[in-house]
């Protein structure tokens, strides 16, 4: 499982201009089950995505497809996590 942390490198006006394409990117990986959670950081300095069921090489490829990364408006940090405990009922998300 991976936590993908995005740090914005450009003004929010440049981020906002790419949001429709970024959302299409997210939808593609929600659709195949890779992404299970995403959202903005607070304050809005970046974002976070929770990804599962892929290897590191695949994650590295996937992050390069994000329009934010391609346009150079955000940088990804990838953190691999091996869950050892979950809350009751969370197994479907982390399984």
PDB file of N, CA and C in Angstrom:
ATOM      1  N   UNK A   1       0.847  -1.152   0.000  1.00  0.00           N
ATOM      2  CA  UNK A   1       0.000   0.000   0.000  1.00  0.00           C
ATOM      3  C   UNK A   1       0.901   1.226   0.000  1.00  0.00           C
ATOM      4  N   UNK A   2       0.430   2.276  -0.664  1.00  0.00           N
ATOM      5  CA  UNK A   2       1.233   3.483  -0.811  1.00  0.00           C
ATOM      6  C   UNK A   2       0.432   4.716  -0.450  1.00  0.00           C
ATOM      7  N   UNK A   3       1.107   5.642   0.217  1.00  0.00           N
ATOM      8  CA  UNK A   3       0.574   6.983   0.411  1.00  0.00           C
ATOM      9  C   UNK A   3       1.337   7.863  -0.562  1.00  0.00           C
ATOM     10  N   UNK A   4       0.609   8.491  -1.466  1.00  0.00           N
ATOM     11  CA  UNK A   4       1.205   9.393  -2.451  1.00  0.00           C
ATOM     12  C   UNK A   4       0.937  10.809  -1.982  1.00  0.00           C
ATOM     13  N   UNK A   5       1.975  11.519  -1.634  1.00  0.00           N
ATOM     14  CA  UNK A   5       1.846  12.885  -1.153  1.00  0.00           C
ATOM     15  C   UNK A   5       2.268  13.844  -2.249  1.00  0.00           C
ATOM     16  N   UNK A   6       1.391  14.766  -2.575  1.00  0.00           N
ATOM     17  CA  UNK A   6       1.677  15.763  -3.598  1.00  0.00           C
ATOM     18  C   UNK A   6       1.973  17.086  -2.925  1.00  0.00           C
ATOM     19  N   UNK A   7       3.042  17.744  -3.351  1.00  0.00           N
ATOM     20  CA  UNK A   7       3.384  19.079  -2.893  1.00  0.00           C
ATOM     21  C   UNK A   7       3.278  20.011  -4.093  1.00  0.00           C
ATOM     22  N   UNK A   8       2.446  21.041  -3.958  1.00  0.00           N
ATOM     23  CA  UNK A   8       2.301  22.003  -5.050  1.00  0.00           C
ATOM     24  C   UNK A   8       3.567  22.842  -5.165  1.00  0.00           C
ATOM     25  N   UNK A   9       3.997  23.059  -6.394  1.00  0.00           N
ATOM     26  CA  UNK A   9       5.198  23.835  -6.681  1.00  0.00           C
ATOM     27  C   UNK A   9       4.883  25.169  -7.328  1.00  0.00           C
ATOM     28  N   UNK A  10       3.643  25.331  -7.753  1.00  0.00           N
ATOM     29  CA  UNK A  10       3.219  26.534  -8.482  1.00  0.00           C
ATOM     30  C   UNK A  10       1.998  27.133  -7.802  1.00  0.00           C
ATOM     31  N   UNK A  11       1.615  28.343  -8.188  1.00  0.00           N
ATOM     32  CA  UNK A  11       0.436  28.979  -7.590  1.00  0.00           C
ATOM     33  C   UNK A  11      -0.840  28.169  -7.844  1.00  0.00           C
ATOM     34  N   UNK A  12      -1.813  28.350  -6.942  1.00  0.00           N
ATOM     35  CA  UNK A  12      -3.064  27.614  -7.059  1.00  0.00           C
ATOM     36  C   UNK A  12      -3.788  27.885  -8.371  1.00  0.00           C
ATOM     37  N   UNK A  13      -3.591  29.029  -8.974  1.00  0.00           N
ATOM     38  CA  UNK A  13      -4.230  29.297 -10.270  1.00  0.00           C
ATOM     39  C   UNK A  13      -3.759  28.294 -11.323  1.00  0.00           C
ATOM     40  N   UNK A  14      -2.491  27.899 -11.271  1.00  0.00           N
ATOM     41  CA  UNK A  14      -1.982  26.891 -12.208  1.00  0.00           C
ATOM     42  C   UNK A  14      -2.488  25.496 -11.850  1.00  0.00           C
ATOM     43  N   UNK A  15      -2.617  25.217 -10.573  1.00  0.00           N
ATOM     44  CA  UNK A  15      -3.176  23.941 -10.120  1.00  0.00           C
ATOM     45  C   UNK A  15      -4.624  23.837 -10.582  1.00  0.00           C
ATOM     46  N   UNK A  16      -5.400  24.871 -10.315  1.00  0.00           N
ATOM     47  CA  UNK A  16      -6.824  24.862 -10.653  1.00  0.00           C
ATOM     48  C   UNK A  16      -7.066  24.688 -12.146  1.00  0.00           C
ATOM     49  N   UNK A  17      -6.198  25.240 -12.963  1.00  0.00           N
ATOM     50  CA  UNK A  17      -6.352  25.106 -14.420  1.00  0.00           C
ATOM     51  C   UNK A  17      -6.220  23.646 -14.860  1.00  0.00           C
ATOM     52  N   UNK A  18      -5.484  22.849 -14.099  1.00  0.00           N
ATOM     53  CA  UNK A  18      -5.266  21.445 -14.447  1.00  0.00           C
ATOM     54  C   UNK A  18      -6.192  20.479 -13.706  1.00  0.00           C
ATOM     55  N   UNK A  19      -7.062  20.999 -12.828  1.00  0.00           N
ATOM     56  CA  UNK A  19      -7.925  20.127 -12.032  1.00  0.00           C
ATOM     57  C   UNK A  19      -8.800  19.188 -12.860  1.00  0.00           C
ATOM     58  N   UNK A  20      -9.438  19.636 -13.943  1.00  0.00           N
ATOM     59  CA  UNK A  20     -10.253  18.679 -14.709  1.00  0.00           C
ATOM     60  C   UNK A  20      -9.438  17.487 -15.227  1.00  0.00           C
ATOM     61  N   UNK A  21      -8.256  17.736 -15.731  1.00  0.00           N
ATOM     62  CA  UNK A  21      -7.411  16.644 -16.228  1.00  0.00           C
ATOM     63  C   UNK A  21      -6.921  15.779 -15.072  1.00  0.00           C
ATOM     64  N   UNK A  22      -6.610  16.400 -13.936  1.00  0.00           N
ATOM     65  CA  UNK A  22      -6.173  15.641 -12.758  1.00  0.00           C
ATOM     66  C   UNK A  22      -7.301  14.739 -12.264  1.00  0.00           C
ATOM     67  N   UNK A  23      -8.520  15.240 -12.272  1.00  0.00           N
ATOM     68  CA  UNK A  23      -9.661  14.425 -11.839  1.00  0.00           C
ATOM     69  C   UNK A  23      -9.895  13.251 -12.784  1.00  0.00           C
ATOM     70  N   UNK A  24      -9.702  13.461 -14.080  1.00  0.00           N
ATOM     71  CA  UNK A  24      -9.802  12.348 -15.038  1.00  0.00           C
ATOM     72  C   UNK A  24      -8.757  11.279 -14.723  1.00  0.00           C
ATOM     73  N   UNK A  25      -7.557  11.718 -14.403  1.00  0.00           N
ATOM     74  CA  UNK A  25      -6.473  10.813 -14.001  1.00  0.00           C
ATOM     75  C   UNK A  25      -6.882  10.016 -12.758  1.00  0.00           C
ATOM     76  N   UNK A  26      -7.403  10.710 -11.744  1.00  0.00           N
ATOM     77  CA  UNK A  26      -7.853  10.017 -10.539  1.00  0.00           C
ATOM     78  C   UNK A  26      -8.937   9.004 -10.865  1.00  0.00           C
ATOM     79  N   UNK A  27      -9.901   9.404 -11.682  1.00  0.00           N
ATOM     80  CA  UNK A  27     -11.014   8.513 -12.043  1.00  0.00           C
ATOM     81  C   UNK A  27     -10.520   7.223 -12.693  1.00  0.00           C
ATOM     82  N   UNK A  28      -9.501   7.328 -13.532  1.00  0.00           N
ATOM     83  CA  UNK A  28      -8.959   6.145 -14.206  1.00  0.00           C
ATOM     84  C   UNK A  28      -8.470   5.125 -13.175  1.00  0.00           C
ATOM     85  N   UNK A  29      -7.765   5.598 -12.147  1.00  0.00           N
ATOM     86  CA  UNK A  29      -7.203   4.678 -11.165  1.00  0.00           C
ATOM     87  C   UNK A  29      -8.175   4.321 -10.045  1.00  0.00           C
ATOM     88  N   UNK A  30      -9.188   5.126  -9.817  1.00  0.00           N
ATOM     89  CA  UNK A  30     -10.290   4.671  -8.964  1.00  0.00           C
ATOM     90  C   UNK A  30     -11.037   3.557  -9.688  1.00  0.00           C
ATOM     91  N   UNK A  31     -11.215   3.712 -10.977  1.00  0.00           N
ATOM     92  CA  UNK A  31     -11.949   2.732 -11.769  1.00  0.00           C
ATOM     93  C   UNK A  31     -11.326   1.360 -11.780  1.00  0.00           C
ATOM     94  N   UNK A  32      -9.998   1.291 -11.750  1.00  0.00           N
ATOM     95  CA  UNK A  32      -9.361  -0.034 -11.760  1.00  0.00           C
ATOM     96  C   UNK A  32      -9.037  -0.548 -10.354  1.00  0.00           C
ATOM     97  N   UNK A  33      -9.432   0.214  -9.318  1.00  0.00           N
ATOM     98  CA  UNK A  33      -9.245  -0.219  -7.943  1.00  0.00           C
ATOM     99  C   UNK A  33      -7.912   0.132  -7.320  1.00  0.00           C
ATOM    100  N   UNK A  34      -7.056   0.841  -8.037  1.00  0.00           N
ATOM    101  CA  UNK A  34      -5.745   1.198  -7.492  1.00  0.00           C
ATOM    102  C   UNK A  34      -5.867   2.279  -6.422  1.00  0.00           C
ATOM    103  N   UNK A  35      -6.622   3.341  -6.704  1.00  0.00           N
ATOM    104  CA  UNK A  35      -6.797   4.426  -5.743  1.00  0.00           C
ATOM    105  C   UNK A  35      -8.038   4.150  -4.902  1.00  0.00           C
ATOM    106  N   UNK A  36      -7.914   4.373  -3.588  1.00  0.00           N
ATOM    107  CA  UNK A  36      -9.055   4.160  -2.701  1.00  0.00           C
ATOM    108  C   UNK A  36      -9.416   5.403  -1.901  1.00  0.00           C
ATOM    109  N   UNK A  37      -8.585   6.422  -1.921  1.00  0.00           N
ATOM    110  CA  UNK A  37      -8.840   7.655  -1.188  1.00  0.00           C
ATOM    111  C   UNK A  37      -7.969   8.736  -1.796  1.00  0.00           C
ATOM    112  N   UNK A  38      -8.509   9.939  -1.869  1.00  0.00           N
ATOM    113  CA  UNK A  38      -7.695  11.080  -2.279  1.00  0.00           C
ATOM    114  C   UNK A  38      -8.315  12.347  -1.723  1.00  0.00           C
ATOM    115  N   UNK A  39      -7.498  13.379  -1.608  1.00  0.00           N
ATOM    116  CA  UNK A  39      -8.012  14.650  -1.121  1.00  0.00           C
ATOM    117  C   UNK A  39      -6.926  15.695  -1.017  1.00  0.00           C
ATOM    118  N   UNK A  40      -7.382  16.898  -0.708  1.00  0.00           N
ATOM    119  CA  UNK A  40      -6.474  18.039  -0.546  1.00  0.00           C
ATOM    120  C   UNK A  40      -5.856  18.033   0.833  1.00  0.00           C
ATOM    121  N   UNK A  41      -4.621  18.523   0.915  1.00  0.00           N
ATOM    122  CA  UNK A  41      -4.028  18.789   2.219  1.00  0.00           C
ATOM    123  C   UNK A  41      -4.648  20.075   2.760  1.00  0.00           C
ATOM    124  N   UNK A  42      -4.646  20.208   4.076  1.00  0.00           N
ATOM    125  CA  UNK A  42      -5.138  21.412   4.738  1.00  0.00           C
ATOM    126  C   UNK A  42      -4.009  21.943   5.596  1.00  0.00           C
ATOM    127  N   UNK A  43      -3.508  23.155   5.304  1.00  0.00           N
ATOM    128  CA  UNK A  43      -3.949  24.058   4.254  1.00  0.00           C
ATOM    129  C   UNK A  43      -3.617  23.501   2.871  1.00  0.00           C
ATOM    130  N   UNK A  44      -4.162  24.121   1.853  1.00  0.00           N
ATOM    131  CA  UNK A  44      -4.088  23.605   0.481  1.00  0.00           C
ATOM    132  C   UNK A  44      -2.699  23.831  -0.135  1.00  0.00           C
ATOM    133  N   UNK A  45      -1.775  23.001   0.292  1.00  0.00           N
ATOM    134  CA  UNK A  45      -0.405  23.055  -0.214  1.00  0.00           C
ATOM    135  C   UNK A  45      -0.064  21.826  -1.048  1.00  0.00           C
ATOM    136  N   UNK A  46      -1.050  20.943  -1.228  1.00  0.00           N
ATOM    137  CA  UNK A  46      -0.833  19.715  -1.972  1.00  0.00           C
ATOM    138  C   UNK A  46      -2.000  18.777  -1.766  1.00  0.00           C
ATOM    139  N   UNK A  47      -1.741  17.503  -1.977  1.00  0.00           N
ATOM    140  CA  UNK A  47      -2.793  16.509  -1.841  1.00  0.00           C
ATOM    141  C   UNK A  47      -2.221  15.191  -1.375  1.00  0.00           C
ATOM    142  N   UNK A  48      -3.112  14.209  -1.254  1.00  0.00           N
ATOM    143  CA  UNK A  48      -2.703  12.868  -0.840  1.00  0.00           C
ATOM    144  C   UNK A  48      -3.605  11.853  -1.527  1.00  0.00           C
ATOM    145  N   UNK A  49      -3.023  10.718  -1.865  1.00  0.00           N
ATOM    146  CA  UNK A  49      -3.743   9.615  -2.498  1.00  0.00           C
ATOM    147  C   UNK A  49      -3.314   8.333  -1.801  1.00  0.00           C
ATOM    148  N   UNK A  50      -4.277   7.464  -1.521  1.00  0.00           N
ATOM    149  CA  UNK A  50      -3.983   6.143  -0.985  1.00  0.00           C
ATOM    150  C   UNK A  50      -4.146   5.142  -2.112  1.00  0.00           C
ATOM    151  N   UNK A  51      -3.108   4.362  -2.365  1.00  0.00           N
ATOM    152  CA  UNK A  51      -3.104   3.407  -3.482  1.00  0.00           C
ATOM    153  C   UNK A  51      -2.795   2.006  -2.955  1.00  0.00           C
ATOM    154  N   UNK A  52      -3.321   0.994  -3.662  1.00  0.00           N
ATOM    155  CA  UNK A  52      -3.120  -0.391  -3.227  1.00  0.00           C
ATOM    156  C   UNK A  52      -3.057  -1.327  -4.428  1.00  0.00           C
ATOM    157  N   UNK A  53      -2.640  -2.556  -4.157  1.00  0.00           N
ATOM    158  CA  UNK A  53      -2.650  -3.668  -5.113  1.00  0.00           C
ATOM    159  C   UNK A  53      -1.741  -3.463  -6.322  1.00  0.00           C
ATOM    160  N   UNK A  54      -0.667  -2.716  -6.169  1.00  0.00           N
ATOM    161  CA  UNK A  54       0.318  -2.557  -7.244  1.00  0.00           C
ATOM    162  C   UNK A  54       1.718  -2.568  -6.630  1.00  0.00           C
ATOM    163  N   UNK A  55       2.706  -2.809  -7.467  1.00  0.00           N
ATOM    164  CA  UNK A  55       4.083  -2.790  -6.985  1.00  0.00           C
ATOM    165  C   UNK A  55       4.684  -1.387  -7.153  1.00  0.00           C
ATOM    166  N   UNK A  56       5.874  -1.204  -6.613  1.00  0.00           N
ATOM    167  CA  UNK A  56       6.514   0.119  -6.614  1.00  0.00           C
ATOM    168  C   UNK A  56       6.779   0.618  -8.032  1.00  0.00           C
ATOM    169  N   UNK A  57       7.209  -0.251  -8.917  1.00  0.00           N
ATOM    170  CA  UNK A  57       7.471   0.178 -10.292  1.00  0.00           C
ATOM    171  C   UNK A  57       6.198   0.706 -10.947  1.00  0.00           C
ATOM    172  N   UNK A  58       5.080   0.071 -10.674  1.00  0.00           N
ATOM    173  CA  UNK A  58       3.810   0.518 -11.240  1.00  0.00           C
ATOM    174  C   UNK A  58       3.409   1.860 -10.647  1.00  0.00           C
ATOM    175  N   UNK A  59       3.561   2.023  -9.340  1.00  0.00           N
ATOM    176  CA  UNK A  59       3.262   3.319  -8.707  1.00  0.00           C
ATOM    177  C   UNK A  59       4.131   4.408  -9.305  1.00  0.00           C
ATOM    178  N   UNK A  60       5.405   4.135  -9.488  1.00  0.00           N
ATOM    179  CA  UNK A  60       6.302   5.139 -10.069  1.00  0.00           C
ATOM    180  C   UNK A  60       5.841   5.546 -11.466  1.00  0.00           C
ATOM    181  N   UNK A  61       5.339   4.592 -12.248  1.00  0.00           N
ATOM    182  CA  UNK A  61       4.815   4.911 -13.576  1.00  0.00           C
ATOM    183  C   UNK A  61       3.517   5.713 -13.470  1.00  0.00           C
ATOM    184  N   UNK A  62       2.632   5.285 -12.575  1.00  0.00           N
ATOM    185  CA  UNK A  62       1.334   5.948 -12.425  1.00  0.00           C
ATOM    186  C   UNK A  62       1.501   7.426 -12.052  1.00  0.00           C
ATOM    187  N   UNK A  63       2.409   7.737 -11.129  1.00  0.00           N
ATOM    188  CA  UNK A  63       2.543   9.141 -10.715  1.00  0.00           C
ATOM    189  C   UNK A  63       3.048  10.025 -11.856  1.00  0.00           C
ATOM    190  N   UNK A  64       3.800   9.457 -12.792  1.00  0.00           N
ATOM    191  CA  UNK A  64       4.273  10.274 -13.918  1.00  0.00           C
ATOM    192  C   UNK A  64       3.148  10.606 -14.892  1.00  0.00           C
ATOM    193  N   UNK A  65       2.028   9.883 -14.803  1.00  0.00           N
ATOM    194  CA  UNK A  65       0.897  10.140 -15.690  1.00  0.00           C
ATOM    195  C   UNK A  65       0.021  11.302 -15.225  1.00  0.00           C
ATOM    196  N   UNK A  66       0.154  11.698 -13.977  1.00  0.00           N
ATOM    197  CA  UNK A  66      -0.681  12.771 -13.451  1.00  0.00           C
ATOM    198  C   UNK A  66      -0.370  14.076 -14.193  1.00  0.00           C
ATOM    199  N   UNK A  67      -1.406  14.755 -14.699  1.00  0.00           N
ATOM    200  CA  UNK A  67      -1.174  16.044 -15.362  1.00  0.00           C
ATOM    201  C   UNK A  67      -0.437  17.051 -14.484  1.00  0.00           C
ATOM    202  N   UNK A  68      -0.631  16.983 -13.169  1.00  0.00           N
ATOM    203  CA  UNK A  68       0.114  17.871 -12.271  1.00  0.00           C
ATOM    204  C   UNK A  68       1.615  17.600 -12.379  1.00  0.00           C
ATOM    205  N   UNK A  69       1.996  16.334 -12.382  1.00  0.00           N
ATOM    206  CA  UNK A  69       3.413  15.978 -12.481  1.00  0.00           C
ATOM    207  C   UNK A  69       3.961  16.314 -13.861  1.00  0.00           C
ATOM    208  N   UNK A  70       3.199  15.989 -14.900  1.00  0.00           N
ATOM    209  CA  UNK A  70       3.659  16.259 -16.271  1.00  0.00           C
ATOM    210  C   UNK A  70       3.889  17.744 -16.507  1.00  0.00           C
ATOM    211  N   UNK A  71       3.032  18.592 -15.906  1.00  0.00           N
ATOM    212  CA  UNK A  71       3.167  20.045 -16.098  1.00  0.00           C
ATOM    213  C   UNK A  71       4.161  20.672 -15.130  1.00  0.00           C
ATOM    214  N   UNK A  72       4.667  19.880 -14.190  1.00  0.00           N
ATOM    215  CA  UNK A  72       5.640  20.407 -13.233  1.00  0.00           C
ATOM    216  C   UNK A  72       5.046  21.320 -12.181  1.00  0.00           C
ATOM    217  N   UNK A  73       3.731  21.202 -11.919  1.00  0.00           N
ATOM    218  CA  UNK A  73       3.112  22.057 -10.907  1.00  0.00           C
ATOM    219  C   UNK A  73       3.054  21.388  -9.539  1.00  0.00           C
ATOM    220  N   UNK A  74       3.356  20.082  -9.502  1.00  0.00           N
ATOM    221  CA  UNK A  74       3.367  19.350  -8.228  1.00  0.00           C
ATOM    222  C   UNK A  74       4.447  18.279  -8.274  1.00  0.00           C
ATOM    223  N   UNK A  75       4.933  17.951  -7.100  1.00  0.00           N
ATOM    224  CA  UNK A  75       5.941  16.897  -6.934  1.00  0.00           C
ATOM    225  C   UNK A  75       5.331  15.812  -6.052  1.00  0.00           C
ATOM    226  N   UNK A  76       5.591  14.564  -6.398  1.00  0.00           N
ATOM    227  CA  UNK A  76       5.106  13.430  -5.622  1.00  0.00           C
ATOM    228  C   UNK A  76       6.178  12.923  -4.669  1.00  0.00           C
ATOM    229  N   UNK A  77       5.741  12.545  -3.486  1.00  0.00           N
ATOM    230  CA  UNK A  77       6.544  11.756  -2.550  1.00  0.00           C
ATOM    231  C   UNK A  77       5.761  10.464  -2.336  1.00  0.00           C
ATOM    232  N   UNK A  78       6.426   9.337  -2.492  1.00  0.00           N
ATOM    233  CA  UNK A  78       5.767   8.039  -2.383  1.00  0.00           C
ATOM    234  C   UNK A  78       6.254   7.360  -1.105  1.00  0.00           C
ATOM    235  N   UNK A  79       5.296   6.989  -0.258  1.00  0.00           N
ATOM    236  CA  UNK A  79       5.606   6.306   0.995  1.00  0.00           C
ATOM    237  C   UNK A  79       4.933   4.942   0.964  1.00  0.00           C
ATOM    238  N   UNK A  80       5.728   3.881   1.044  1.00  0.00           N
ATOM    239  CA  UNK A  80       5.157   2.536   1.100  1.00  0.00           C
ATOM    240  C   UNK A  80       4.834   2.199   2.554  1.00  0.00           C
ATOM    241  N   UNK A  81       3.640   1.641   2.760  1.00  0.00           N
ATOM    242  CA  UNK A  81       3.173   1.291   4.096  1.00  0.00           C
ATOM    243  C   UNK A  81       2.700  -0.150   4.069  1.00  0.00           C
ATOM    244  N   UNK A  82       3.098  -0.910   5.071  1.00  0.00           N
ATOM    245  CA  UNK A  82       2.603  -2.273   5.228  1.00  0.00           C
ATOM    246  C   UNK A  82       1.684  -2.280   6.444  1.00  0.00           C
ATOM    247  N   UNK A  83       0.366  -2.185   6.219  1.00  0.00           N
ATOM    248  CA  UNK A  83      -0.559  -2.124   7.357  1.00  0.00           C
ATOM    249  C   UNK A  83      -0.456  -3.374   8.228  1.00  0.00           C
ATOM    250  N   UNK A  84      -0.393  -3.156   9.529  1.00  0.00           N
ATOM    251  CA  UNK A  84      -0.387  -4.263  10.471  1.00  0.00           C
ATOM    252  C   UNK A  84      -1.640  -4.278  11.337  1.00  0.00           C
ATOM    253  N   UNK A  85      -2.369  -3.155  11.361  1.00  0.00           N
ATOM    254  CA  UNK A  85      -3.635  -3.075  12.093  1.00  0.00           C
ATOM    255  C   UNK A  85      -4.579  -2.165  11.320  1.00  0.00           C
ATOM    256  N   UNK A  86      -5.861  -2.479  11.418  1.00  0.00           N
ATOM    257  CA  UNK A  86      -6.882  -1.609  10.831  1.00  0.00           C
ATOM    258  C   UNK A  86      -8.065  -1.542  11.777  1.00  0.00           C
ATOM    259  N   UNK A  87      -8.869  -0.510  11.604  1.00  0.00           N
ATOM    260  CA  UNK A  87     -10.098  -0.385  12.375  1.00  0.00           C
ATOM    261  C   UNK A  87     -11.103  -1.426  11.896  1.00  0.00           C
ATOM    262  N   UNK A  88     -12.023  -1.783  12.763  1.00  0.00           N
ATOM    263  CA  UNK A  88     -13.074  -2.726  12.388  1.00  0.00           C
ATOM    264  C   UNK A  88     -13.798  -2.211  11.149  1.00  0.00           C
ATOM    265  N   UNK A  89     -13.978  -3.074  10.171  1.00  0.00           N
ATOM    266  CA  UNK A  89     -14.671  -2.706   8.945  1.00  0.00           C
ATOM    267  C   UNK A  89     -13.799  -2.090   7.873  1.00  0.00           C
ATOM    268  N   UNK A  90     -12.549  -1.802   8.182  1.00  0.00           N
ATOM    269  CA  UNK A  90     -11.669  -1.163   7.209  1.00  0.00           C
ATOM    270  C   UNK A  90     -10.989  -2.166   6.275  1.00  0.00           C
ATOM    271  N   UNK A  91     -11.170  -3.437   6.516  1.00  0.00           N
ATOM    272  CA  UNK A  91     -10.500  -4.455   5.716  1.00  0.00           C
ATOM    273  C   UNK A  91     -10.778  -4.345   4.233  1.00  0.00           C
ATOM    274  N   UNK A  92     -11.965  -3.908   3.843  1.00  0.00           N
ATOM    275  CA  UNK A  92     -12.276  -3.799   2.422  1.00  0.00           C
ATOM    276  C   UNK A  92     -11.462  -2.708   1.747  1.00  0.00           C
ATOM    277  N   UNK A  93     -11.063  -1.698   2.487  1.00  0.00           N
ATOM    278  CA  UNK A  93     -10.235  -0.638   1.928  1.00  0.00           C
ATOM    279  C   UNK A  93      -8.783  -1.085   1.827  1.00  0.00           C
ATOM    280  N   UNK A  94      -8.316  -1.768   2.847  1.00  0.00           N
ATOM    281  CA  UNK A  94      -6.900  -2.102   2.916  1.00  0.00           C
ATOM    282  C   UNK A  94      -6.578  -3.500   2.402  1.00  0.00           C
ATOM    283  N   UNK A  95      -7.590  -4.297   2.127  1.00  0.00           N
ATOM    284  CA  UNK A  95      -7.374  -5.669   1.700  1.00  0.00           C
ATOM    285  C   UNK A  95      -6.837  -5.823   0.317  1.00  0.00           C
TER     286      UNK A  95
END
